[in-house]
PDB file of N, CA and C in Angstrom:
ATOM      1  N   MET A   1     -57.895  26.917  55.356  1.00  0.00           N
ATOM      2  CA  MET A   1     -58.891  25.825  55.649  1.00  0.00           C
ATOM      3  C   MET A   1     -59.898  26.493  54.729  1.00  0.00           C
ATOM      4  N   LEU A   2     -60.072  27.515  54.775  1.00  0.00           N
ATOM      5  CA  LEU A   2     -61.480  27.861  53.716  1.00  0.00           C
ATOM      6  C   LEU A   2     -61.302  27.736  52.716  1.00  0.00           C
ATOM      7  N   SER A   3     -60.210  27.325  51.838  1.00  0.00           N
ATOM      8  CA  SER A   3     -60.090  27.871  50.620  1.00  0.00           C
ATOM      9  C   SER A   3     -59.655  25.924  50.360  1.00  0.00           C
ATOM     10  N   ALA A   4     -59.292  25.278  51.128  1.00  0.00           N
ATOM     11  CA  ALA A   4     -59.338  24.188  50.759  1.00  0.00           C
ATOM     12  C   ALA A   4     -60.919  23.598  51.482  1.00  0.00           C
ATOM     13  N   LEU A   5     -61.549  23.554  52.017  1.00  0.00           N
ATOM     14  CA  LEU A   5     -63.220  22.905  52.374  1.00  0.00           C
ATOM     15  C   LEU A   5     -63.705  23.329  50.761  1.00  0.00           C
ATOM     16  N   ASP A   6     -63.024  25.368  50.139  1.00  0.00           N
ATOM     17  CA  ASP A   6     -63.796  25.168  49.091  1.00  0.00           C
ATOM     18  C   ASP A   6     -63.504  24.133  48.060  1.00  0.00           C
ATOM     19  N   ASP A   7     -62.295  23.850  47.900  1.00  0.00           N
ATOM     20  CA  ASP A   7     -62.062  23.091  46.834  1.00  0.00           C
ATOM     21  C   ASP A   7     -62.351  21.540  47.024  1.00  0.00           C
ATOM     22  N   GLY A   8     -62.700  21.199  47.739  1.00  0.00           N
ATOM     23  CA  GLY A   8     -63.167  19.978  48.291  1.00  0.00           C
ATOM     24  C   GLY A   8     -64.870  19.891  47.781  1.00  0.00           C
ATOM     25  N   VAL A   9     -65.724  20.941  48.320  1.00  0.00           N
ATOM     26  CA  VAL A   9     -66.624  20.885  47.770  1.00  0.00           C
ATOM     27  C   VAL A   9     -67.065  21.439  46.117  1.00  0.00           C
ATOM     28  N   ALA A  10     -66.065  21.388  45.822  1.00  0.00           N
ATOM     29  CA  ALA A  10     -66.020  21.968  44.164  1.00  0.00           C
ATOM     30  C   ALA A  10     -66.200  20.376  43.208  1.00  0.00           C
ATOM     31  N   ASN A  11     -64.950  19.993  44.132  1.00  0.00           N
ATOM     32  CA  ASN A  11     -64.276  18.206  43.756  1.00  0.00           C
ATOM     33  C   ASN A  11     -66.231  17.203  43.560  1.00  0.00           C
ATOM     34  N   ILE A  12     -66.127  17.406  44.855  1.00  0.00           N
ATOM     35  CA  ILE A  12     -67.544  16.577  45.064  1.00  0.00           C
ATOM     36  C   ILE A  12     -68.650  16.642  44.577  1.00  0.00           C
ATOM     37  N   THR A  13     -68.764  17.809  44.188  1.00  0.00           N
ATOM     38  CA  THR A  13     -70.228  18.932  43.206  1.00  0.00           C
ATOM     39  C   THR A  13     -69.467  17.931  41.655  1.00  0.00           C
ATOM     40  N   SER A  14     -68.231  18.297  40.921  1.00  0.00           N
ATOM     41  CA  SER A  14     -68.353  17.719  40.227  1.00  0.00           C
ATOM     42  C   SER A  14     -68.692  16.082  40.012  1.00  0.00           C
ATOM     43  N   ALA A  15     -67.742  15.671  40.929  1.00  0.00           N
ATOM     44  CA  ALA A  15     -68.049  14.168  40.592  1.00  0.00           C
ATOM     45  C   ALA A  15     -69.742  13.914  40.774  1.00  0.00           C
ATOM     46  N   LEU A  16     -70.487  14.815  41.632  1.00  0.00           N
ATOM     47  CA  LEU A  16     -72.170  14.122  40.991  1.00  0.00           C
ATOM     48  C   LEU A  16     -72.569  14.724  40.030  1.00  0.00           C
ATOM     49  N   HIS A  17     -71.698  15.677  39.477  1.00  0.00           N
ATOM     50  CA  HIS A  17     -72.267  15.753  38.139  1.00  0.00           C
ATOM     51  C   HIS A  17     -72.440  15.011  37.251  1.00  0.00           C
ATOM     52  N   ASP A  18     -70.332  14.652  37.332  1.00  0.00           N
ATOM     53  CA  ASP A  18     -70.323  13.398  36.249  1.00  0.00           C
ATOM     54  C   ASP A  18     -71.022  12.297  36.616  1.00  0.00           C
ATOM     55  N   GLY A  19     -71.021  11.802  37.486  1.00  0.00           N
ATOM     56  CA  GLY A  19     -71.946  10.718  37.835  1.00  0.00           C
ATOM     57  C   GLY A  19     -73.286  10.527  37.531  1.00  0.00           C
ATOM     58  N   GLY A  20     -73.771  12.153  37.434  1.00  0.00           N
ATOM     59  CA  GLY A  20     -75.564  12.355  37.105  1.00  0.00           C
ATOM     60  C   GLY A  20     -76.054  11.730  38.480  1.00  0.00           C
ATOM     61  N   LEU A  21     -75.767  11.888  39.362  1.00  0.00           N
ATOM     62  CA  LEU A  21     -76.300  12.269  40.577  1.00  0.00           C
ATOM     63  C   LEU A  21     -76.402  13.700  41.494  1.00  0.00           C
ATOM     64  N   TYR A  22     -75.861  14.263  40.930  1.00  0.00           N
ATOM     65  CA  TYR A  22     -76.408  15.784  41.561  1.00  0.00           C
ATOM     66  C   TYR A  22     -77.895  16.016  41.589  1.00  0.00           C
ATOM     67  N   GLU A  23     -78.767  16.044  40.701  1.00  0.00           N
ATOM     68  CA  GLU A  23     -79.910  16.573  40.456  1.00  0.00           C
ATOM     69  C   GLU A  23     -80.800  15.489  41.938  1.00  0.00           C
ATOM     70  N   ASN A  24     -79.818  14.762  42.509  1.00  0.00           N
ATOM     71  CA  ASN A  24     -80.757  13.974  43.485  1.00  0.00           C
ATOM     72  C   ASN A  24     -80.085  13.621  45.008  1.00  0.00           C
ATOM     73  N   SER A  25     -78.957  14.745  44.943  1.00  0.00           N
ATOM     74  CA  SER A  25     -78.012  15.427  45.871  1.00  0.00           C
ATOM     75  C   SER A  25     -78.729  16.402  46.837  1.00  0.00           C
ATOM     76  N   VAL A  26     -77.813  16.127  48.029  1.00  0.00           N
ATOM     77  CA  VAL A  26     -77.979  17.213  49.323  1.00  0.00           C
ATOM     78  C   VAL A  26     -76.831  17.207  49.783  1.00  0.00           C
ATOM     79  N   ILE A  27     -76.620  18.500  49.895  1.00  0.00           N
ATOM     80  CA  ILE A  27     -74.755  18.594  50.414  1.00  0.00           C
ATOM     81  C   ILE A  27     -75.062  19.587  51.615  1.00  0.00           C
ATOM     82  N   ILE A  28     -73.991  19.380  52.437  1.00  0.00           N
ATOM     83  CA  ILE A  28     -74.410  19.704  53.538  1.00  0.00           C
ATOM     84  C   ILE A  28     -73.125  19.775  54.090  1.00  0.00           C
ATOM     85  N   VAL A  29     -72.218  21.019  55.077  1.00  0.00           N
ATOM     86  CA  VAL A  29     -71.036  21.179  55.502  1.00  0.00           C
ATOM     87  C   VAL A  29     -71.579  21.819  56.871  1.00  0.00           C
ATOM     88  N   THR A  30     -70.890  21.194  57.556  1.00  0.00           N
ATOM     89  CA  THR A  30     -70.978  22.006  58.789  1.00  0.00           C
ATOM     90  C   THR A  30     -69.678  21.959  59.193  1.00  0.00           C
ATOM     91  N   THR A  31     -69.401  22.661  60.845  1.00  0.00           N
ATOM     92  CA  THR A  31     -68.374  22.948  61.640  1.00  0.00           C
ATOM     93  C   THR A  31     -68.675  22.366  62.762  1.00  0.00           C
ATOM     94  N   ASP A  32     -67.447  21.996  63.460  1.00  0.00           N
ATOM     95  CA  ASP A  32     -67.453  21.446  65.186  1.00  0.00           C
ATOM     96  C   ASP A  32     -67.672  22.810  65.963  1.00  0.00           C
ATOM     97  N   ASN A  33     -68.033  22.547  67.038  1.00  0.00           N
ATOM     98  CA  ASN A  33     -68.307  23.881  67.887  1.00  0.00           C
ATOM     99  C   ASN A  33     -67.441  24.342  68.228  1.00  0.00           C
ATOM    100  N   GLY A  34     -67.476  25.588  68.095  1.00  0.00           N
ATOM    101  CA  GLY A  34     -66.206  26.545  68.880  1.00  0.00           C
ATOM    102  C   GLY A  34     -64.663  26.317  68.682  1.00  0.00           C
ATOM    103  N   GLY A  35     -63.797  27.360  68.735  1.00  0.00           N
ATOM    104  CA  GLY A  35     -62.363  26.732  69.402  1.00  0.00           C
ATOM    105  C   GLY A  35     -62.118  26.637  70.023  1.00  0.00           C
ATOM    106  N   LEU A  36     -60.759  26.080  70.235  1.00  0.00           N
ATOM    107  CA  LEU A  36     -60.654  26.090  71.772  1.00  0.00           C
ATOM    108  C   LEU A  36     -59.507  27.090  72.156  1.00  0.00           C
ATOM    109  N   VAL A  37     -60.096  27.490  73.391  1.00  0.00           N
ATOM    110  CA  VAL A  37     -59.694  28.672  74.059  1.00  0.00           C
ATOM    111  C   VAL A  37     -59.263  28.150  75.626  1.00  0.00           C
ATOM    112  N   GLY A  38     -58.343  28.891  75.484  1.00  0.00           N
ATOM    113  CA  GLY A  38     -57.573  29.128  77.547  1.00  0.00           C
ATOM    114  C   GLY A  38     -56.962  27.743  77.510  1.00  0.00           C
ATOM    115  N   GLY A  39     -55.844  27.605  78.324  1.00  0.00           N
ATOM    116  CA  GLY A  39     -54.854  26.496  78.397  1.00  0.00           C
ATOM    117  C   GLY A  39     -53.849  26.842  77.190  1.00  0.00           C
ATOM    118  N   ASN A  40     -53.581  25.797  76.213  1.00  0.00           N
ATOM    119  CA  ASN A  40     -52.994  25.689  75.304  1.00  0.00           C
ATOM    120  C   ASN A  40     -53.623  25.865  73.780  1.00  0.00           C
ATOM    121  N   GLY A  41     -55.215  26.482  73.523  1.00  0.00           N
ATOM    122  CA  GLY A  41     -55.927  26.709  73.161  1.00  0.00           C
ATOM    123  C   GLY A  41     -55.376  28.084  72.697  1.00  0.00           C
ATOM    124  N   CYS A  42     -55.740  27.728  71.241  1.00  0.00           N
ATOM    125  CA  CYS A  42     -54.924  29.547  70.505  1.00  0.00           C
ATOM    126  C   CYS A  42     -56.225  30.441  69.954  1.00  0.00           C
ATOM    127  N   GLY A  43     -57.391  29.342  70.247  1.00  0.00           N
ATOM    128  CA  GLY A  43     -59.134  29.347  69.657  1.00  0.00           C
ATOM    129  C   GLY A  43     -59.477  30.635  69.783  1.00  0.00           C
ATOM    130  N   SER A  44     -59.900  31.340  68.697  1.00  0.00           N
ATOM    131  CA  SER A  44     -60.744  32.675  69.349  1.00  0.00           C
ATOM    132  C   SER A  44     -62.261  32.758  68.700  1.00  0.00           C
ATOM    133  N   ASN A  45     -63.099  32.641  69.921  1.00  0.00           N
ATOM    134  CA  ASN A  45     -65.334  32.801  68.974  1.00  0.00           C
ATOM    135  C   ASN A  45     -65.243  34.568  69.504  1.00  0.00           C
ATOM    136  N   PHE A  46     -64.145  35.264  68.988  1.00  0.00           N
ATOM    137  CA  PHE A  46     -64.882  36.344  69.043  1.00  0.00           C
ATOM    138  C   PHE A  46     -66.140  36.971  68.279  1.00  0.00           C
ATOM    139  N   PRO A  47     -67.077  37.483  68.587  1.00  0.00           N
ATOM    140  CA  PRO A  47     -67.670  38.034  69.469  1.00  0.00           C
ATOM    141  C   PRO A  47     -68.096  37.044  70.872  1.00  0.00           C
ATOM    142  N   LEU A  48     -68.691  35.397  70.839  1.00  0.00           N
ATOM    143  CA  LEU A  48     -68.654  35.131  71.351  1.00  0.00           C
ATOM    144  C   LEU A  48     -67.951  34.507  72.814  1.00  0.00           C
ATOM    145  N   ARG A  49     -69.089  34.249  73.703  1.00  0.00           N
ATOM    146  CA  ARG A  49     -68.369  33.824  74.910  1.00  0.00           C
ATOM    147  C   ARG A  49     -68.060  32.231  75.327  1.00  0.00           C
ATOM    148  N   GLY A  50     -66.762  32.074  75.257  1.00  0.00           N
ATOM    149  CA  GLY A  50     -66.749  30.246  75.638  1.00  0.00           C
ATOM    150  C   GLY A  50     -65.959  29.523  74.653  1.00  0.00           C
ATOM    151  N   GLY A  51     -65.359  28.272  75.165  1.00  0.00           N
ATOM    152  CA  GLY A  51     -65.535  27.530  73.515  1.00  0.00           C
ATOM    153  C   GLY A  51     -65.992  26.530  73.842  1.00  0.00           C
ATOM    154  N   LYS A  52     -64.830  24.854  73.244  1.00  0.00           N
ATOM    155  CA  LYS A  52     -64.811  23.951  73.642  1.00  0.00           C
ATOM    156  C   LYS A  52     -65.080  23.803  74.971  1.00  0.00           C
ATOM    157  N   HIS A  53     -66.221  22.579  75.174  1.00  0.00           N
ATOM    158  CA  HIS A  53     -66.477  21.816  76.625  1.00  0.00           C
ATOM    159  C   HIS A  53     -66.802  23.042  77.616  1.00  0.00           C
ATOM    160  N   SER A  54     -67.681  23.872  76.771  1.00  0.00           N
ATOM    161  CA  SER A  54     -68.181  25.178  78.289  1.00  0.00           C
ATOM    162  C   SER A  54     -70.111  25.512  77.176  1.00  0.00           C
ATOM    163  N   PHE A  55     -70.812  25.608  77.286  1.00  0.00           N
ATOM    164  CA  PHE A  55     -71.873  26.338  77.393  1.00  0.00           C
ATOM    165  C   PHE A  55     -73.003  27.358  77.066  1.00  0.00           C
ATOM    166  N   PHE A  56     -71.559  28.252  76.964  1.00  0.00           N
ATOM    167  CA  PHE A  56     -71.344  29.596  76.367  1.00  0.00           C
ATOM    168  C   PHE A  56     -71.836  29.477  74.853  1.00  0.00           C
ATOM    169  N   ALA A  57     -72.540  30.744  74.303  1.00  0.00           N
ATOM    170  CA  ALA A  57     -72.447  30.428  72.597  1.00  0.00           C
ATOM    171  C   ALA A  57     -71.008  30.477  72.003  1.00  0.00           C
ATOM    172  N   GLY A  58     -69.629  30.467  72.187  1.00  0.00           N
ATOM    173  CA  GLY A  58     -68.741  30.293  71.872  1.00  0.00           C
ATOM    174  C   GLY A  58     -68.800  28.800  71.945  1.00  0.00           C
ATOM    175  N   GLY A  59     -68.888  27.875  73.011  1.00  0.00           N
ATOM    176  CA  GLY A  59     -68.904  26.090  72.612  1.00  0.00           C
ATOM    177  C   GLY A  59     -70.262  26.159  72.108  1.00  0.00           C
ATOM    178  N   ILE A  60     -70.960  26.507  72.020  1.00  0.00           N
ATOM    179  CA  ILE A  60     -72.801  25.489  71.013  1.00  0.00           C
ATOM    180  C   ILE A  60     -72.619  25.851  69.893  1.00  0.00           C
ATOM    181  N   GLN A  61     -72.837  27.360  69.190  1.00  0.00           N
ATOM    182  CA  GLN A  61     -73.133  28.026  68.153  1.00  0.00           C
ATOM    183  C   GLN A  61     -71.700  27.635  67.283  1.00  0.00           C
ATOM    184  N   GLY A  62     -72.397  26.913  66.070  1.00  0.00           N
ATOM    185  CA  GLY A  62     -71.478  27.006  64.740  1.00  0.00           C
ATOM    186  C   GLY A  62     -72.192  27.020  63.362  1.00  0.00           C
ATOM    187  N   THR A  63     -71.671  26.834  62.440  1.00  0.00           N
ATOM    188  CA  THR A  63     -72.326  27.351  61.144  1.00  0.00           C
ATOM    189  C   THR A  63     -72.344  26.425  60.225  1.00  0.00           C
ATOM    190  N   ALA A  64     -73.371  26.204  59.384  1.00  0.00           N
ATOM    191  CA  ALA A  64     -73.606  25.190  58.634  1.00  0.00           C
ATOM    192  C   ALA A  64     -74.066  25.915  57.029  1.00  0.00           C
ATOM    193  N   LEU A  65     -74.089  24.864  56.349  1.00  0.00           N
ATOM    194  CA  LEU A  65     -74.668  24.972  54.672  1.00  0.00           C
ATOM    195  C   LEU A  65     -75.348  23.723  54.073  1.00  0.00           C
ATOM    196  N   VAL A  66     -76.378  24.434  53.914  1.00  0.00           N
ATOM    197  CA  VAL A  66     -77.023  23.049  52.939  1.00  0.00           C
ATOM    198  C   VAL A  66     -77.667  23.613  51.636  1.00  0.00           C
ATOM    199  N   HIS A  67     -77.112  23.185  50.928  1.00  0.00           N
ATOM    200  CA  HIS A  67     -77.339  22.524  49.192  1.00  0.00           C
ATOM    201  C   HIS A  67     -78.002  21.900  48.500  1.00  0.00           C
ATOM    202  N   SER A  68     -79.277  22.168  47.515  1.00  0.00           N
ATOM    203  CA  SER A  68     -79.494  20.870  47.330  1.00  0.00           C
ATOM    204  C   SER A  68     -80.282  21.655  45.725  1.00  0.00           C
ATOM    205  N   PRO A  69     -80.553  20.949  44.691  1.00  0.00           N
ATOM    206  CA  PRO A  69     -81.479  21.407  43.733  1.00  0.00           C
ATOM    207  C   PRO A  69     -83.074  20.551  43.896  1.00  0.00           C
ATOM    208  N   LEU A  70     -83.035  20.067  45.265  1.00  0.00           N
ATOM    209  CA  LEU A  70     -84.767  19.733  45.783  1.00  0.00           C
ATOM    210  C   LEU A  70     -84.758  20.889  46.427  1.00  0.00           C
ATOM    211  N   LEU A  71     -84.387  21.382  46.787  1.00  0.00           N
ATOM    212  CA  LEU A  71     -84.657  22.651  47.758  1.00  0.00           C
ATOM    213  C   LEU A  71     -85.787  23.175  47.068  1.00  0.00           C
ATOM    214  N   PRO A  72     -86.606  23.500  47.235  1.00  0.00           N
ATOM    215  CA  PRO A  72     -88.013  24.722  46.979  1.00  0.00           C
ATOM    216  C   PRO A  72     -87.197  26.143  46.614  1.00  0.00           C
ATOM    217  N   PRO A  73     -87.708  26.482  45.185  1.00  0.00           N
ATOM    218  CA  PRO A  73     -87.528  27.791  45.862  1.00  0.00           C
ATOM    219  C   PRO A  73     -87.504  28.890  46.615  1.00  0.00           C
ATOM    220  N   ALA A  74     -88.599  28.878  47.506  1.00  0.00           N
ATOM    221  CA  ALA A  74     -88.484  29.755  48.697  1.00  0.00           C
ATOM    222  C   ALA A  74     -87.748  29.203  50.152  1.00  0.00           C
ATOM    223  N   ALA A  75     -86.630  28.561  49.538  1.00  0.00           N
ATOM    224  CA  ALA A  75     -85.592  27.840  50.420  1.00  0.00           C
ATOM    225  C   ALA A  75     -84.491  28.399  50.325  1.00  0.00           C
ATOM    226  N   HIS A  76     -84.085  29.015  48.962  1.00  0.00           N
ATOM    227  CA  HIS A  76     -83.139  29.663  48.329  1.00  0.00           C
ATOM    228  C   HIS A  76     -82.548  30.838  49.225  1.00  0.00           C
ATOM    229  N   ASN A  77     -81.419  31.137  49.562  1.00  0.00           N
ATOM    230  CA  ASN A  77     -80.912  32.232  50.226  1.00  0.00           C
ATOM    231  C   ASN A  77     -81.643  32.771  51.661  1.00  0.00           C
ATOM    232  N   THR A  78     -81.738  31.613  52.590  1.00  0.00           N
ATOM    233  CA  THR A  78     -82.300  31.852  53.245  1.00  0.00           C
ATOM    234  C   THR A  78     -81.587  31.860  54.359  1.00  0.00           C
ATOM    235  N   VAL A  79     -81.441  32.913  55.603  1.00  0.00           N
ATOM    236  CA  VAL A  79     -80.792  32.287  56.973  1.00  0.00           C
ATOM    237  C   VAL A  79     -81.544  31.574  57.844  1.00  0.00           C
TER     238      VAL A  79
END
């Protein structure tokens, strides 16, 4: 899935470059919250506790990425 996401972002970025829109774009990639654990779910949020439909960290935390040529240099490579 990560490889497919990587290919998709590359395709979008190329299309933005080809259309002359890249310099004014903000690309945001985010995730759904936590994997489905327990019951019929086979997800894992280790080392976080919990999953979808819970208020534990495994059910509410997710990763995200923001990329844009419009961001100031101070924002580059920040977490």
